[in-house]
Protein backbone atom coordinates (compact mmCIF):
# COMPACT_ATOMS: atom_id res chain seq x y z
CA UNK A 1 104.98 121.72 96.81
CA UNK A 2 104.34 119.57 99.89
CA UNK A 3 107.26 117.48 101.02
CA UNK A 4 106.78 113.83 101.93
CA UNK A 5 107.89 112.60 105.32
CA UNK A 6 110.69 110.07 105.46
CA UNK A 7 108.61 108.10 107.98
CA UNK A 8 105.44 107.63 105.93
CA UNK A 9 102.78 105.12 106.86
CA UNK A 10 103.29 102.94 103.80
CA UNK A 11 104.85 102.61 100.40
CA UNK A 12 104.99 100.24 97.46
CA UNK A 13 107.21 100.01 94.42
CA UNK A 14 106.17 98.57 91.07
CA UNK A 15 106.40 99.27 87.33
CA UNK A 16 103.99 99.92 84.47
CA UNK A 17 104.11 97.85 81.31
CA UNK A 18 101.96 98.94 78.39
CA UNK A 19 99.11 100.56 80.32
CA UNK A 20 96.33 102.28 78.39
CA UNK A 21 94.40 105.21 79.84
CA UNK A 22 91.70 104.16 82.27
CA UNK A 23 93.93 101.54 83.94
CA UNK A 24 93.90 101.53 87.76
CA UNK A 25 96.75 100.78 90.15
CA UNK A 26 96.47 98.39 93.05
CA UNK A 27 94.51 99.67 96.06
CA UNK A 28 96.27 100.83 99.22
CA UNK A 29 94.87 101.68 102.65
CA UNK A 30 95.92 104.97 104.20
CA UNK A 31 94.99 104.85 107.88
CA UNK A 32 95.97 108.54 108.23
CA UNK A 33 98.11 107.73 111.26
CA UNK A 34 100.66 110.36 110.17
CA UNK A 35 100.82 113.68 108.34
CA UNK A 36 102.63 112.36 105.26
CA UNK A 37 101.66 113.65 101.83
CA UNK A 38 100.53 110.93 99.45
CA UNK A 39 102.70 110.86 96.34
CA UNK A 40 103.21 108.96 93.09
CA UNK A 41 106.71 108.94 91.56
CA UNK A 42 107.73 107.81 88.07
CA UNK A 43 111.34 107.01 87.24
CA UNK A 44 112.07 106.45 83.55
CA UNK A 45 108.99 106.29 81.36
CA UNK A 46 108.14 106.11 77.67
CA UNK A 47 104.99 105.97 75.56
CA UNK A 48 103.91 104.03 72.49
CA UNK A 49 105.56 106.33 69.97
CA UNK A 50 108.61 107.06 72.12
CA UNK A 51 109.80 110.48 73.11
CA UNK A 52 109.21 112.54 76.19
CA UNK A 53 105.68 112.83 77.44
CA UNK A 54 103.49 113.57 80.40
CA UNK A 55 101.07 111.19 82.08
CA UNK A 56 97.92 112.47 83.79
CA UNK A 57 97.39 110.51 87.03
CA UNK A 58 94.43 110.90 89.37
CA UNK A 59 94.33 109.54 92.93
CA UNK A 60 90.85 108.28 93.81
CA UNK A 61 89.24 107.38 97.15
CA UNK A 62 87.02 104.31 97.19
CA UNK A 63 83.56 105.00 98.59
CA UNK A 64 81.74 101.65 98.52
CA UNK A 65 78.42 102.04 96.71
CA UNK A 66 78.94 105.73 95.93
CA UNK A 67 81.12 106.82 92.99
CA UNK A 68 84.80 106.98 93.88
CA UNK A 69 86.01 110.45 94.80
CA UNK A 70 88.72 111.98 92.64
CA UNK A 71 91.44 113.83 94.54
CA UNK A 72 92.74 115.71 91.51
CA UNK A 73 94.74 114.90 88.40
CA UNK A 74 98.45 115.68 88.34
CA UNK A 75 100.87 115.36 85.43
CA UNK A 76 104.03 113.30 85.82
CA UNK A 77 106.60 114.08 83.13
CA UNK A 78 108.81 111.41 81.62
CA UNK A 79 112.53 111.97 81.74
CA UNK A 80 114.57 111.13 84.77
CA UNK A 81 112.27 111.27 87.84
CA UNK A 82 109.02 113.13 88.53
CA UNK A 83 106.82 113.16 91.63
CA UNK A 84 103.26 114.41 92.16
CA UNK A 85 101.86 115.13 95.64
CA UNK A 86 98.24 115.00 96.84
CA UNK A 87 98.70 116.14 100.44
CA UNK A 88 97.72 114.34 103.65
CA UNK A 89 94.62 112.34 102.66
CA UNK A 90 91.92 111.17 105.07
CA UNK A 91 91.81 107.54 106.23
CA UNK A 92 90.43 105.38 103.41
CA UNK A 93 91.31 103.06 100.53
CA UNK A 94 92.90 104.71 97.50
CA UNK A 95 94.22 103.90 94.04
CA UNK A 96 95.42 105.94 91.10
CA UNK A 97 94.04 105.94 87.56
CA UNK A 98 96.01 106.71 84.41
CA UNK A 99 93.84 109.45 82.86
CA UNK A 100 95.97 110.76 79.97
CA UNK A 101 99.16 109.97 78.08
CA UNK A 102 100.76 112.84 76.13
CA UNK A 103 97.54 114.83 76.67
CA UNK A 104 95.40 112.13 75.02
CA UNK A 105 92.72 109.94 76.57
CA UNK A 106 93.21 107.09 74.08
CA UNK A 107 95.57 105.68 71.47
CA UNK A 108 98.74 105.58 73.59
CA UNK A 109 100.39 103.13 75.97
CA UNK A 110 102.75 103.92 78.85
CA UNK A 111 105.77 102.10 80.30
CA UNK A 112 107.37 103.17 83.59
CA UNK A 113 110.60 101.54 84.76
CA UNK A 114 110.00 102.26 88.44
CA UNK A 115 106.84 103.48 90.14
CA UNK A 116 106.66 104.41 93.82
CA UNK A 117 103.56 105.26 95.82
CA UNK A 118 103.96 106.54 99.38
CA UNK A 119 101.22 107.50 101.82
């Protein structure tokens, strides 16, 4: 596991309300002016049918006219708090996509009480 620096370049906090798979987060710009690992953290989440679950999240780099570049899918598990790290990413614009909920690519929705992205 790669630890995140306390002095990261940027962060934002939000929530997720009824997202289906395929939904994208807002875009952020990582100028790569530090060595901080990019991370996504969920605090308190549930899915359509309730119960504990995992959410597959992929960070993607925008590439203009070329297809966006996936940086790998990580699973964030519902419960108290879970964090997934992608390492120190190159300077670019990024977003994350909700790829799976409870291992499924359709038929579920996700709610997250508190979402934090740091980069």
